Amino acid sequence: MAKHLETGQKGEKIATQFLINKNWKILETNWRFSRAEVDIIAKDLDTLVFVEVKTRSYDYYGKPDAFINKKKELFMADAAAVYMEKIGHEWEIRFDVISVLMNGKEDYQIQHFKDAFFPGLT
């Protein structure tokens, strides 16, 4: 497996455990719809949260969370709409970002950005 894919998978595992430690209920990981993927779908109390995890081995070109673009936000929104319809969703939603910066095999920095974006709003 390519190193960047391994780094991404490790970051997603770290982020999932981070949310579990905050007593979030993990509903799905790597949920796909068409060309879109949502890394983590979880519940934070009564809020349905769609989480994008960005992991990098270094921050020479910027923090991991800086690499989320409008196209990714729109893909996530499309996937979220389908997921909400699938489960009969009728409560609050939020889009979060978790940034994982790997400093070594077991050393990392994690940042959680709640309400990081809302697709369609500029």
PDB file of N, CA and C in Angstrom:
ATOM      1  N   MET A   1       0.848  -1.181   0.000  1.00  0.00           N
ATOM      2  CA  MET A   1       0.000   0.000   0.000  1.00  0.00           C
ATOM      3  C   MET A   1       0.892   1.243   0.000  1.00  0.00           C
ATOM      4  N   ALA A   2       0.479   2.265  -0.723  1.00  0.00           N
ATOM      5  CA  ALA A   2       1.239   3.513  -0.792  1.00  0.00           C
ATOM      6  C   ALA A   2       1.299   4.179   0.580  1.00  0.00           C
ATOM      7  N   LYS A   3       2.433   4.833   0.851  1.00  0.00           N
ATOM      8  CA  LYS A   3       2.655   5.447   2.159  1.00  0.00           C
ATOM      9  C   LYS A   3       1.568   6.467   2.506  1.00  0.00           C
ATOM     10  N   HIS A   4       1.144   7.302   1.529  1.00  0.00           N
ATOM     11  CA  HIS A   4       0.130   8.312   1.829  1.00  0.00           C
ATOM     12  C   HIS A   4      -1.213   7.683   2.201  1.00  0.00           C
ATOM     13  N   LEU A   5      -1.513   6.510   1.626  1.00  0.00           N
ATOM     14  CA  LEU A   5      -2.752   5.818   1.986  1.00  0.00           C
ATOM     15  C   LEU A   5      -2.656   5.245   3.398  1.00  0.00           C
ATOM     16  N   GLU A   6      -1.497   4.699   3.741  1.00  0.00           N
ATOM     17  CA  GLU A   6      -1.283   4.194   5.103  1.00  0.00           C
ATOM     18  C   GLU A   6      -1.396   5.326   6.121  1.00  0.00           C
ATOM     19  N   THR A   7      -0.800   6.482   5.785  1.00  0.00           N
ATOM     20  CA  THR A   7      -0.868   7.647   6.679  1.00  0.00           C
ATOM     21  C   THR A   7      -2.311   8.075   6.867  1.00  0.00           C
ATOM     22  N   GLY A   8      -3.075   8.110   5.784  1.00  0.00           N
ATOM     23  CA  GLY A   8      -4.478   8.492   5.860  1.00  0.00           C
ATOM     24  C   GLY A   8      -5.294   7.528   6.716  1.00  0.00           C
ATOM     25  N   GLN A   9      -5.077   6.242   6.536  1.00  0.00           N
ATOM     26  CA  GLN A   9      -5.803   5.245   7.328  1.00  0.00           C
ATOM     27  C   GLN A   9      -5.450   5.361   8.806  1.00  0.00           C
ATOM     28  N   LYS A  10      -4.178   5.591   9.099  1.00  0.00           N
ATOM     29  CA  LYS A  10      -3.760   5.735  10.492  1.00  0.00           C
ATOM     30  C   LYS A  10      -4.424   6.973  11.110  1.00  0.00           C
ATOM     31  N   GLY A  11      -4.461   8.082  10.359  1.00  0.00           N
ATOM     32  CA  GLY A  11      -5.107   9.297  10.848  1.00  0.00           C
ATOM     33  C   GLY A  11      -6.590   9.089  11.124  1.00  0.00           C
ATOM     34  N   GLU A  12      -7.262   8.329  10.262  1.00  0.00           N
ATOM     35  CA  GLU A  12      -8.685   8.060  10.460  1.00  0.00           C
ATOM     36  C   GLU A  12      -8.911   7.210  11.710  1.00  0.00           C
ATOM     37  N   LYS A  13      -8.034   6.256  11.969  1.00  0.00           N
ATOM     38  CA  LYS A  13      -8.151   5.440  13.188  1.00  0.00           C
ATOM     39  C   LYS A  13      -7.930   6.303  14.427  1.00  0.00           C
ATOM     40  N   ILE A  14      -6.940   7.190  14.360  1.00  0.00           N
ATOM     41  CA  ILE A  14      -6.673   8.102  15.479  1.00  0.00           C
ATOM     42  C   ILE A  14      -7.885   8.995  15.726  1.00  0.00           C
ATOM     43  N   ALA A  15      -8.457   9.542  14.648  1.00  0.00           N
ATOM     44  CA  ALA A  15      -9.617  10.432  14.773  1.00  0.00           C
ATOM     45  C   ALA A  15     -10.832   9.687  15.328  1.00  0.00           C
ATOM     46  N   THR A  16     -11.047   8.468  14.866  1.00  0.00           N
ATOM     47  CA  THR A  16     -12.175   7.679  15.360  1.00  0.00           C
ATOM     48  C   THR A  16     -12.033   7.429  16.861  1.00  0.00           C
ATOM     49  N   GLN A  17     -10.847   7.040  17.296  1.00  0.00           N
ATOM     50  CA  GLN A  17     -10.629   6.790  18.718  1.00  0.00           C
ATOM     51  C   GLN A  17     -10.779   8.085  19.525  1.00  0.00           C
ATOM     52  N   PHE A  18     -10.321   9.195  18.966  1.00  0.00           N
ATOM     53  CA  PHE A  18     -10.460  10.509  19.598  1.00  0.00           C
ATOM     54  C   PHE A  18     -11.936  10.814  19.882  1.00  0.00           C
ATOM     55  N   LEU A  19     -12.801  10.550  18.892  1.00  0.00           N
ATOM     56  CA  LEU A  19     -14.234  10.814  19.048  1.00  0.00           C
ATOM     57  C   LEU A  19     -14.879   9.830  20.023  1.00  0.00           C
ATOM     58  N   ILE A  20     -14.477   8.577  19.967  1.00  0.00           N
ATOM     59  CA  ILE A  20     -14.999   7.585  20.914  1.00  0.00           C
ATOM     60  C   ILE A  20     -14.653   8.002  22.340  1.00  0.00           C
ATOM     61  N   ASN A  21     -13.434   8.507  22.535  1.00  0.00           N
ATOM     62  CA  ASN A  21     -13.013   8.960  23.860  1.00  0.00           C
ATOM     63  C   ASN A  21     -13.826  10.155  24.351  1.00  0.00           C
ATOM     64  N   LYS A  22     -14.464  10.875  23.420  1.00  0.00           N
ATOM     65  CA  LYS A  22     -15.331  12.004  23.776  1.00  0.00           C
ATOM     66  C   LYS A  22     -16.791  11.553  23.900  1.00  0.00           C
ATOM     67  N   ASN A  23     -16.995  10.240  23.913  1.00  0.00           N
ATOM     68  CA  ASN A  23     -18.328   9.629  24.048  1.00  0.00           C
ATOM     69  C   ASN A  23     -19.238   9.856  22.843  1.00  0.00           C
ATOM     70  N   TRP A  24     -18.655  10.036  21.673  1.00  0.00           N
ATOM     71  CA  TRP A  24     -19.455  10.106  20.460  1.00  0.00           C
ATOM     72  C   TRP A  24     -19.823   8.690  20.041  1.00  0.00           C
ATOM     73  N   LYS A  25     -20.968   8.549  19.383  1.00  0.00           N
ATOM     74  CA  LYS A  25     -21.368   7.264  18.833  1.00  0.00           C
ATOM     75  C   LYS A  25     -20.973   7.239  17.352  1.00  0.00           C
ATOM     76  N   ILE A  26     -20.092   6.329  16.994  1.00  0.00           N
ATOM     77  CA  ILE A  26     -19.648   6.203  15.601  1.00  0.00           C
ATOM     78  C   ILE A  26     -20.683   5.367  14.859  1.00  0.00           C
ATOM     79  N   LEU A  27     -21.256   5.934  13.810  1.00  0.00           N
ATOM     80  CA  LEU A  27     -22.277   5.244  13.026  1.00  0.00           C
ATOM     81  C   LEU A  27     -21.681   4.562  11.799  1.00  0.00           C
ATOM     82  N   GLU A  28     -20.742   5.234  11.148  1.00  0.00           N
ATOM     83  CA  GLU A  28     -20.129   4.713   9.920  1.00  0.00           C
ATOM     84  C   GLU A  28     -18.697   5.237   9.816  1.00  0.00           C
ATOM     85  N   THR A  29     -17.846   4.471   9.155  1.00  0.00           N
ATOM     86  CA  THR A  29     -16.524   4.967   8.761  1.00  0.00           C
ATOM     87  C   THR A  29     -16.353   4.654   7.279  1.00  0.00           C
ATOM     88  N   ASN A  30     -15.731   5.566   6.592  1.00  0.00           N
ATOM     89  CA  ASN A  30     -15.480   5.445   5.156  1.00  0.00           C
ATOM     90  C   ASN A  30     -16.761   5.132   4.379  1.00  0.00           C
ATOM     91  N   TRP A  31     -17.822   5.887   4.683  1.00  0.00           N
ATOM     92  CA  TRP A  31     -19.109   5.683   4.021  1.00  0.00           C
ATOM     93  C   TRP A  31     -19.066   6.330   2.645  1.00  0.00           C
ATOM     94  N   ARG A  32     -19.427   5.552   1.626  1.00  0.00           N
ATOM     95  CA  ARG A  32     -19.327   6.033   0.245  1.00  0.00           C
ATOM     96  C   ARG A  32     -20.697   6.184  -0.409  1.00  0.00           C
ATOM     97  N   PHE A  33     -20.759   7.215  -1.245  1.00  0.00           N
ATOM     98  CA  PHE A  33     -21.886   7.405  -2.138  1.00  0.00           C
ATOM     99  C   PHE A  33     -21.324   7.977  -3.427  1.00  0.00           C
ATOM    100  N   SER A  34     -21.496   7.266  -4.512  1.00  0.00           N
ATOM    101  CA  SER A  34     -20.992   7.707  -5.806  1.00  0.00           C
ATOM    102  C   SER A  34     -19.489   7.995  -5.693  1.00  0.00           C
ATOM    103  N   ARG A  35     -19.070   9.210  -6.017  1.00  0.00           N
ATOM    104  CA  ARG A  35     -17.642   9.559  -5.952  1.00  0.00           C
ATOM    105  C   ARG A  35     -17.259  10.168  -4.611  1.00  0.00           C
ATOM    106  N   ALA A  36     -18.206  10.281  -3.712  1.00  0.00           N
ATOM    107  CA  ALA A  36     -17.959  10.932  -2.429  1.00  0.00           C
ATOM    108  C   ALA A  36     -17.727   9.899  -1.337  1.00  0.00           C
ATOM    109  N   GLU A  37     -16.884  10.285  -0.385  1.00  0.00           N
ATOM    110  CA  GLU A  37     -16.665   9.454   0.793  1.00  0.00           C
ATOM    111  C   GLU A  37     -16.670  10.349   2.020  1.00  0.00           C
ATOM    112  N   VAL A  38     -17.347   9.883   3.054  1.00  0.00           N
ATOM    113  CA  VAL A  38     -17.326  10.577   4.337  1.00  0.00           C
ATOM    114  C   VAL A  38     -16.500   9.698   5.270  1.00  0.00           C
ATOM    115  N   ASP A  39     -15.441  10.272   5.825  1.00  0.00           N
ATOM    116  CA  ASP A  39     -14.524   9.488   6.646  1.00  0.00           C
ATOM    117  C   ASP A  39     -15.205   8.936   7.889  1.00  0.00           C
ATOM    118  N   ILE A  40     -15.939   9.784   8.598  1.00  0.00           N
ATOM    119  CA  ILE A  40     -16.628   9.350   9.813  1.00  0.00           C
ATOM    120  C   ILE A  40     -18.011   9.999   9.865  1.00  0.00           C
ATOM    121  N   ILE A  41     -19.016   9.187  10.161  1.00  0.00           N
ATOM    122  CA  ILE A  41     -20.345   9.703  10.446  1.00  0.00           C
ATOM    123  C   ILE A  41     -20.631   9.298  11.883  1.00  0.00           C
ATOM    124  N   ALA A  42     -20.973  10.288  12.710  1.00  0.00           N
ATOM    125  CA  ALA A  42     -21.126  10.020  14.132  1.00  0.00           C
ATOM    126  C   ALA A  42     -22.235  10.886  14.719  1.00  0.00           C
ATOM    127  N   LYS A  43     -22.592  10.556  15.957  1.00  0.00           N
ATOM    128  CA  LYS A  43     -23.536  11.391  16.698  1.00  0.00           C
ATOM    129  C   LYS A  43     -22.822  11.996  17.890  1.00  0.00           C
ATOM    130  N   ASP A  44     -22.935  13.309  17.983  1.00  0.00           N
ATOM    131  CA  ASP A  44     -22.455  14.064  19.134  1.00  0.00           C
ATOM    132  C   ASP A  44     -23.714  14.508  19.866  1.00  0.00           C
ATOM    133  N   LEU A  45     -24.089  13.760  20.888  1.00  0.00           N
ATOM    134  CA  LEU A  45     -25.377  13.924  21.557  1.00  0.00           C
ATOM    135  C   LEU A  45     -26.475  13.713  20.521  1.00  0.00           C
ATOM    136  N   ASP A  46     -27.278  14.748  20.211  1.00  0.00           N
ATOM    137  CA  ASP A  46     -28.351  14.586  19.229  1.00  0.00           C
ATOM    138  C   ASP A  46     -27.999  15.118  17.847  1.00  0.00           C
ATOM    139  N   THR A  47     -26.755  15.531  17.654  1.00  0.00           N
ATOM    140  CA  THR A  47     -26.345  16.098  16.370  1.00  0.00           C
ATOM    141  C   THR A  47     -25.669  15.039  15.508  1.00  0.00           C
ATOM    142  N   LEU A  48     -26.123  14.919  14.276  1.00  0.00           N
ATOM    143  CA  LEU A  48     -25.498  14.033  13.304  1.00  0.00           C
ATOM    144  C   LEU A  48     -24.320  14.791  12.703  1.00  0.00           C
ATOM    145  N   VAL A  49     -23.124  14.204  12.786  1.00  0.00           N
ATOM    146  CA  VAL A  49     -21.915  14.907  12.365  1.00  0.00           C
ATOM    147  C   VAL A  49     -21.204  14.119  11.270  1.00  0.00           C
ATOM    148  N   PHE A  50     -20.878  14.830  10.195  1.00  0.00           N
ATOM    149  CA  PHE A  50     -20.110  14.279   9.090  1.00  0.00           C
ATOM    150  C   PHE A  50     -18.692  14.828   9.231  1.00  0.00           C
ATOM    151  N   VAL A  51     -17.722  13.926   9.365  1.00  0.00           N
ATOM    152  CA  VAL A  51     -16.361  14.333   9.699  1.00  0.00           C
ATOM    153  C   VAL A  51     -15.400  13.999   8.563  1.00  0.00           C
ATOM    154  N   GLU A  52     -14.663  14.992   8.140  1.00  0.00           N
ATOM    155  CA  GLU A  52     -13.563  14.809   7.190  1.00  0.00           C
ATOM    156  C   GLU A  52     -12.275  14.789   7.991  1.00  0.00           C
ATOM    157  N   VAL A  53     -11.467  13.754   7.781  1.00  0.00           N
ATOM    158  CA  VAL A  53     -10.182  13.633   8.468  1.00  0.00           C
ATOM    159  C   VAL A  53      -9.078  13.902   7.451  1.00  0.00           C
ATOM    160  N   LYS A  54      -8.199  14.824   7.787  1.00  0.00           N
ATOM    161  CA  LYS A  54      -7.039  15.121   6.945  1.00  0.00           C
ATOM    162  C   LYS A  54      -5.788  14.821   7.745  1.00  0.00           C
ATOM    163  N   THR A  55      -4.934  13.985   7.187  1.00  0.00           N
ATOM    164  CA  THR A  55      -3.709  13.569   7.858  1.00  0.00           C
ATOM    165  C   THR A  55      -2.523  13.870   6.961  1.00  0.00           C
ATOM    166  N   ARG A  56      -1.483  14.390   7.556  1.00  0.00           N
ATOM    167  CA  ARG A  56      -0.240  14.661   6.835  1.00  0.00           C
ATOM    168  C   ARG A  56       0.936  14.243   7.708  1.00  0.00           C
ATOM    169  N   SER A  57       2.043  13.902   7.039  1.00  0.00           N
ATOM    170  CA  SER A  57       3.274  13.540   7.744  1.00  0.00           C
ATOM    171  C   SER A  57       4.100  14.772   8.087  1.00  0.00           C
ATOM    172  N   TYR A  58       3.806  15.879   7.436  1.00  0.00           N
ATOM    173  CA  TYR A  58       4.536  17.124   7.673  1.00  0.00           C
ATOM    174  C   TYR A  58       3.638  18.285   7.290  1.00  0.00           C
ATOM    175  N   ASP A  59       3.994  19.477   7.751  1.00  0.00           N
ATOM    176  CA  ASP A  59       3.167  20.649   7.441  1.00  0.00           C
ATOM    177  C   ASP A  59       3.938  21.718   6.675  1.00  0.00           C
ATOM    178  N   TYR A  60       4.901  21.285   5.859  1.00  0.00           N
ATOM    179  CA  TYR A  60       5.684  22.234   5.057  1.00  0.00           C
ATOM    180  C   TYR A  60       4.794  23.119   4.185  1.00  0.00           C
ATOM    181  N   TYR A  61       3.737  22.542   3.648  1.00  0.00           N
ATOM    182  CA  TYR A  61       2.871  23.272   2.720  1.00  0.00           C
ATOM    183  C   TYR A  61       1.566  23.718   3.362  1.00  0.00           C
ATOM    184  N   GLY A  62       1.458  23.575   4.669  1.00  0.00           N
ATOM    185  CA  GLY A  62       0.259  23.983   5.385  1.00  0.00           C
ATOM    186  C   GLY A  62      -0.257  22.871   6.280  1.00  0.00           C
ATOM    187  N   LYS A  63      -1.139  23.240   7.167  1.00  0.00           N
ATOM    188  CA  LYS A  63      -1.759  22.278   8.076  1.00  0.00           C
ATOM    189  C   LYS A  63      -2.683  21.346   7.284  1.00  0.00           C
ATOM    190  N   PRO A  64      -2.884  20.135   7.778  1.00  0.00           N
ATOM    191  CA  PRO A  64      -3.722  19.179   7.027  1.00  0.00           C
ATOM    192  C   PRO A  64      -5.110  19.710   6.678  1.00  0.00           C
ATOM    193  N   ASP A  65      -5.739  20.439   7.607  1.00  0.00           N
ATOM    194  CA  ASP A  65      -7.097  20.925   7.364  1.00  0.00           C
ATOM    195  C   ASP A  65      -7.179  21.951   6.241  1.00  0.00           C
ATOM    196  N   ALA A  66      -6.045  22.527   5.853  1.00  0.00           N
ATOM    197  CA  ALA A  66      -6.025  23.522   4.775  1.00  0.00           C
ATOM    198  C   ALA A  66      -6.254  22.889   3.403  1.00  0.00           C
ATOM    199  N   PHE A  67      -6.254  21.565   3.333  1.00  0.00           N
ATOM    200  CA  PHE A  67      -6.366  20.880   2.053  1.00  0.00           C
ATOM    201  C   PHE A  67      -7.788  20.434   1.722  1.00  0.00           C
ATOM    202  N   ILE A  68      -8.767  21.012   2.378  1.00  0.00           N
ATOM    203  CA  ILE A  68     -10.167  20.726   2.061  1.00  0.00           C
ATOM    204  C   ILE A  68     -10.675  21.851   1.172  1.00  0.00           C
ATOM    205  N   ASN A  69     -11.131  21.474  -0.014  1.00  0.00           N
ATOM    206  CA  ASN A  69     -11.591  22.488  -0.961  1.00  0.00           C
ATOM    207  C   ASN A  69     -13.115  22.440  -1.115  1.00  0.00           C
ATOM    208  N   LYS A  70     -13.647  23.382  -1.848  1.00  0.00           N
ATOM    209  CA  LYS A  70     -15.104  23.478  -2.046  1.00  0.00           C
ATOM    210  C   LYS A  70     -15.665  22.224  -2.712  1.00  0.00           C
ATOM    211  N   LYS A  71     -14.896  21.643  -3.628  1.00  0.00           N
ATOM    212  CA  LYS A  71     -15.356  20.424  -4.304  1.00  0.00           C
ATOM    213  C   LYS A  71     -15.567  19.305  -3.283  1.00  0.00           C
ATOM    214  N   LYS A  72     -14.627  19.140  -2.358  1.00  0.00           N
ATOM    215  CA  LYS A  72     -14.750  18.121  -1.321  1.00  0.00           C
ATOM    216  C   LYS A  72     -15.964  18.411  -0.439  1.00  0.00           C
ATOM    217  N   GLU A  73     -16.169  19.674  -0.089  1.00  0.00           N
ATOM    218  CA  GLU A  73     -17.323  20.053   0.725  1.00  0.00           C
ATOM    219  C   GLU A  73     -18.630  19.675   0.018  1.00  0.00           C
ATOM    220  N   LEU A  74     -18.705  19.932  -1.275  1.00  0.00           N
ATOM    221  CA  LEU A  74     -19.924  19.614  -2.028  1.00  0.00           C
ATOM    222  C   LEU A  74     -20.132  18.114  -2.140  1.00  0.00           C
ATOM    223  N   PHE A  75     -19.058  17.348  -2.356  1.00  0.00           N
ATOM    224  CA  PHE A  75     -19.170  15.887  -2.370  1.00  0.00           C
ATOM    225  C   PHE A  75     -19.692  15.383  -1.031  1.00  0.00           C
ATOM    226  N   MET A  76     -19.164  15.938   0.060  1.00  0.00           N
ATOM    227  CA  MET A  76     -19.614  15.529   1.389  1.00  0.00           C
ATOM    228  C   MET A  76     -21.092  15.870   1.591  1.00  0.00           C
ATOM    229  N   ALA A  77     -21.504  17.034   1.118  1.00  0.00           N
ATOM    230  CA  ALA A  77     -22.904  17.447   1.253  1.00  0.00           C
ATOM    231  C   ALA A  77     -23.819  16.495   0.490  1.00  0.00           C
ATOM    232  N   ASP A  78     -23.414  16.096  -0.705  1.00  0.00           N
ATOM    233  CA  ASP A  78     -24.209  15.147  -1.488  1.00  0.00           C
ATOM    234  C   ASP A  78     -24.334  13.812  -0.754  1.00  0.00           C
ATOM    235  N   ALA A  79     -23.213  13.325  -0.255  1.00  0.00           N
ATOM    236  CA  ALA A  79     -23.225  12.054   0.483  1.00  0.00           C
ATOM    237  C   ALA A  79     -24.068  12.185   1.751  1.00  0.00           C
ATOM    238  N   ALA A  80     -23.944  13.309   2.435  1.00  0.00           N
ATOM    239  CA  ALA A  80     -24.716  13.535   3.663  1.00  0.00           C
ATOM    240  C   ALA A  80     -26.210  13.524   3.376  1.00  0.00           C
ATOM    241  N   ALA A  81     -26.622  14.155   2.284  1.00  0.00           N
ATOM    242  CA  ALA A  81     -28.047  14.187   1.922  1.00  0.00           C
ATOM    243  C   ALA A  81     -28.581  12.776   1.694  1.00  0.00           C
ATOM    244  N   VAL A  82     -27.812  11.959   1.006  1.00  0.00           N
ATOM    245  CA  VAL A  82     -28.232  10.581   0.744  1.00  0.00           C
ATOM    246  C   VAL A  82     -28.285   9.790   2.053  1.00  0.00           C
ATOM    247  N   TYR A  83     -27.292   9.966   2.898  1.00  0.00           N
ATOM    248  CA  TYR A  83     -27.250   9.248   4.169  1.00  0.00           C
ATOM    249  C   TYR A  83     -28.438   9.648   5.053  1.00  0.00           C
ATOM    250  N   MET A  84     -28.718  10.938   5.109  1.00  0.00           N
ATOM    251  CA  MET A  84     -29.841  11.419   5.926  1.00  0.00           C
ATOM    252  C   MET A  84     -31.160  10.841   5.426  1.00  0.00           C
ATOM    253  N   GLU A  85     -31.322  10.779   4.119  1.00  0.00           N
ATOM    254  CA  GLU A  85     -32.545  10.204   3.548  1.00  0.00           C
ATOM    255  C   GLU A  85     -32.626   8.713   3.893  1.00  0.00           C
ATOM    256  N   LYS A  86     -31.500   8.032   3.801  1.00  0.00           N
ATOM    257  CA  LYS A  86     -31.437   6.591   4.089  1.00  0.00           C
ATOM    258  C   LYS A  86     -31.880   6.273   5.513  1.00  0.00           C
ATOM    259  N   ILE A  87     -31.491   7.109   6.478  1.00  0.00           N
ATOM    260  CA  ILE A  87     -31.817   6.808   7.878  1.00  0.00           C
ATOM    261  C   ILE A  87     -33.046   7.562   8.381  1.00  0.00           C
ATOM    262  N   GLY A  88     -33.677   8.359   7.514  1.00  0.00           N
ATOM    263  CA  GLY A  88     -34.858   9.118   7.931  1.00  0.00           C
ATOM    264  C   GLY A  88     -34.504  10.229   8.904  1.00  0.00           C
ATOM    265  N   HIS A  89     -33.406  10.890   8.632  1.00  0.00           N
ATOM    266  CA  HIS A  89     -32.860  11.928   9.507  1.00  0.00           C
ATOM    267  C   HIS A  89     -33.793  13.124   9.664  1.00  0.00           C
ATOM    268  N   GLU A  90     -33.985  13.555  10.917  1.00  0.00           N
ATOM    269  CA  GLU A  90     -34.814  14.731  11.180  1.00  0.00           C
ATOM    270  C   GLU A  90     -34.257  15.563  12.324  1.00  0.00           C
ATOM    271  N   TRP A  91     -32.952  15.588  12.485  1.00  0.00           N
ATOM    272  CA  TRP A  91     -32.364  16.396  13.555  1.00  0.00           C
ATOM    273  C   TRP A  91     -31.180  17.183  13.021  1.00  0.00           C
ATOM    274  N   GLU A  92     -30.542  17.918  13.879  1.00  0.00           N
ATOM    275  CA  GLU A  92     -29.454  18.826  13.511  1.00  0.00           C
ATOM    276  C   GLU A  92     -28.268  18.074  12.898  1.00  0.00           C
ATOM    277  N   ILE A  93     -27.595  18.736  11.950  1.00  0.00           N
ATOM    278  CA  ILE A  93     -26.372  18.176  11.360  1.00  0.00           C
ATOM    279  C   ILE A  93     -25.245  19.185  11.484  1.00  0.00           C
ATOM    280  N   ARG A  94     -24.029  18.664  11.299  1.00  0.00           N
ATOM    281  CA  ARG A  94     -22.844  19.515  11.352  1.00  0.00           C
ATOM    282  C   ARG A  94     -21.752  18.853  10.530  1.00  0.00           C
ATOM    283  N   PHE A  95     -20.881  19.674   9.957  1.00  0.00           N
ATOM    284  CA  PHE A  95     -19.714  19.186   9.231  1.00  0.00           C
ATOM    285  C   PHE A  95     -18.469  19.607  10.008  1.00  0.00           C
ATOM    286  N   ASP A  96     -17.703  18.619  10.469  1.00  0.00           N
ATOM    287  CA  ASP A  96     -16.485  18.867  11.235  1.00  0.00           C
ATOM    288  C   ASP A  96     -15.265  18.415  10.440  1.00  0.00           C
ATOM    289  N   VAL A  97     -14.113  18.920  10.849  1.00  0.00           N
ATOM    290  CA  VAL A  97     -12.835  18.498  10.280  1.00  0.00           C
ATOM    291  C   VAL A  97     -11.915  18.125  11.430  1.00  0.00           C
ATOM    292  N   ILE A  98     -11.242  17.000  11.265  1.00  0.00           N
ATOM    293  CA  ILE A  98     -10.193  16.617  12.208  1.00  0.00           C
ATOM    294  C   ILE A  98      -8.887  16.578  11.447  1.00  0.00           C
ATOM    295  N   SER A  99      -7.928  17.317  11.963  1.00  0.00           N
ATOM    296  CA  SER A  99      -6.598  17.425  11.376  1.00  0.00           C
ATOM    297  C   SER A  99      -5.628  16.608  12.227  1.00  0.00           C
ATOM    298  N   VAL A 100      -4.902  15.697  11.570  1.00  0.00           N
ATOM    299  CA  VAL A 100      -3.910  14.878  12.265  1.00  0.00           C
ATOM    300  C   VAL A 100      -2.560  15.116  11.600  1.00  0.00           C
ATOM    301  N   LEU A 101      -1.618  15.602  12.380  1.00  0.00           N
ATOM    302  CA  LEU A 101      -0.254  15.837  11.894  1.00  0.00           C
ATOM    303  C   LEU A 101       0.648  14.818  12.575  1.00  0.00           C
ATOM    304  N   MET A 102       1.169  13.890  11.772  1.00  0.00           N
ATOM    305  CA  MET A 102       2.017  12.830  12.303  1.00  0.00           C
ATOM    306  C   MET A 102       3.431  13.373  12.509  1.00  0.00           C
ATOM    307  N   ASN A 103       3.968  13.170  13.709  1.00  0.00           N
ATOM    308  CA  ASN A 103       5.328  13.589  14.026  1.00  0.00           C
ATOM    309  C   ASN A 103       6.256  12.383  14.162  1.00  0.00           C
ATOM    310  N   GLY A 104       5.755  11.242  13.900  1.00  0.00           N
ATOM    311  CA  GLY A 104       6.481   9.991  14.034  1.00  0.00           C
ATOM    312  C   GLY A 104       5.470   8.870  14.050  1.00  0.00           C
ATOM    313  N   LYS A 105       5.934   7.643  14.261  1.00  0.00           N
ATOM    314  CA  LYS A 105       5.025   6.491  14.223  1.00  0.00           C
ATOM    315  C   LYS A 105       3.881   6.584  15.215  1.00  0.00           C
ATOM    316  N   GLU A 106       4.185   6.974  16.437  1.00  0.00           N
ATOM    317  CA  GLU A 106       3.152   7.030  17.475  1.00  0.00           C
ATOM    318  C   GLU A 106       2.936   8.439  18.031  1.00  0.00           C
ATOM    319  N   ASP A 107       3.627   9.421  17.491  1.00  0.00           N
ATOM    320  CA  ASP A 107       3.528  10.799  17.967  1.00  0.00           C
ATOM    321  C   ASP A 107       2.746  11.618  16.949  1.00  0.00           C
ATOM    322  N   TYR A 108       1.710  12.295  17.416  1.00  0.00           N
ATOM    323  CA  TYR A 108       0.888  13.083  16.498  1.00  0.00           C
ATOM    324  C   TYR A 108       0.258  14.250  17.243  1.00  0.00           C
ATOM    325  N   GLN A 109      -0.198  15.231  16.440  1.00  0.00           N
ATOM    326  CA  GLN A 109      -0.987  16.346  16.953  1.00  0.00           C
ATOM    327  C   GLN A 109      -2.361  16.238  16.306  1.00  0.00           C
ATOM    328  N   ILE A 110      -3.390  16.443  17.095  1.00  0.00           N
ATOM    329  CA  ILE A 110      -4.745  16.364  16.556  1.00  0.00           C
ATOM    330  C   ILE A 110      -5.495  17.652  16.883  1.00  0.00           C
ATOM    331  N   GLN A 111      -6.225  18.147  15.902  1.00  0.00           N
ATOM    332  CA  GLN A 111      -7.075  19.324  16.096  1.00  0.00           C
ATOM    333  C   GLN A 111      -8.459  18.991  15.563  1.00  0.00           C
ATOM    334  N   HIS A 112      -9.474  19.379  16.321  1.00  0.00           N
ATOM    335  CA  HIS A 112     -10.857  19.131  15.932  1.00  0.00           C
ATOM    336  C   HIS A 112     -11.534  20.478  15.696  1.00  0.00           C
ATOM    337  N   PHE A 113     -12.023  20.666  14.487  1.00  0.00           N
ATOM    338  CA  PHE A 113     -12.706  21.898  14.119  1.00  0.00           C
ATOM    339  C   PHE A 113     -14.202  21.590  13.971  1.00  0.00           C
ATOM    340  N   LYS A 114     -14.965  21.966  14.990  1.00  0.00           N
ATOM    341  CA  LYS A 114     -16.410  21.756  14.930  1.00  0.00           C
ATOM    342  C   LYS A 114     -17.034  22.821  14.028  1.00  0.00           C
ATOM    343  N   ASP A 115     -18.071  22.417  13.303  1.00  0.00           N
ATOM    344  CA  ASP A 115     -18.752  23.348  12.388  1.00  0.00           C
ATOM    345  C   ASP A 115     -17.752  24.013  11.449  1.00  0.00           C
ATOM    346  N   ALA A 116     -16.855  23.212  10.897  1.00  0.00           N
ATOM    347  CA  ALA A 116     -15.765  23.727  10.071  1.00  0.00           C
ATOM    348  C   ALA A 116     -16.259  24.375   8.780  1.00  0.00           C
ATOM    349  N   PHE A 117     -17.351  23.845   8.249  1.00  0.00           N
ATOM    350  CA  PHE A 117     -17.914  24.421   7.017  1.00  0.00           C
ATOM    351  C   PHE A 117     -19.361  23.985   6.896  1.00  0.00           C
ATOM    352  N   PHE A 118     -20.094  24.691   6.076  1.00  0.00           N
ATOM    353  CA  PHE A 118     -21.417  24.267   5.700  1.00  0.00           C
ATOM    354  C   PHE A 118     -21.506  24.398   4.194  1.00  0.00           C
ATOM    355  N   PRO A 119     -21.543  23.269   3.490  1.00  0.00           N
ATOM    356  CA  PRO A 119     -21.519  23.306   2.023  1.00  0.00           C
ATOM    357  C   PRO A 119     -22.586  24.219   1.443  1.00  0.00           C
ATOM    358  N   GLY A 120     -22.169  24.951   0.436  1.00  0.00           N
ATOM    359  CA  GLY A 120     -23.092  25.862  -0.238  1.00  0.00           C
ATOM    360  C   GLY A 120     -23.004  27.281   0.263  1.00  0.00           C
ATOM    361  N   LEU A 121     -22.435  27.477   1.439  1.00  0.00           N
ATOM    362  CA  LEU A 121     -22.231  28.819   1.967  1.00  0.00           C
ATOM    363  C   LEU A 121     -20.795  29.235   1.706  1.00  0.00           C
ATOM    364  N   THR A 122     -20.608  30.454   1.274  1.00  0.00           N
ATOM    365  CA  THR A 122     -19.255  30.908   0.969  1.00  0.00           C
ATOM    366  C   THR A 122     -18.705  31.738   2.107  1.00  0.00           C
TER     367      THR A 122
END
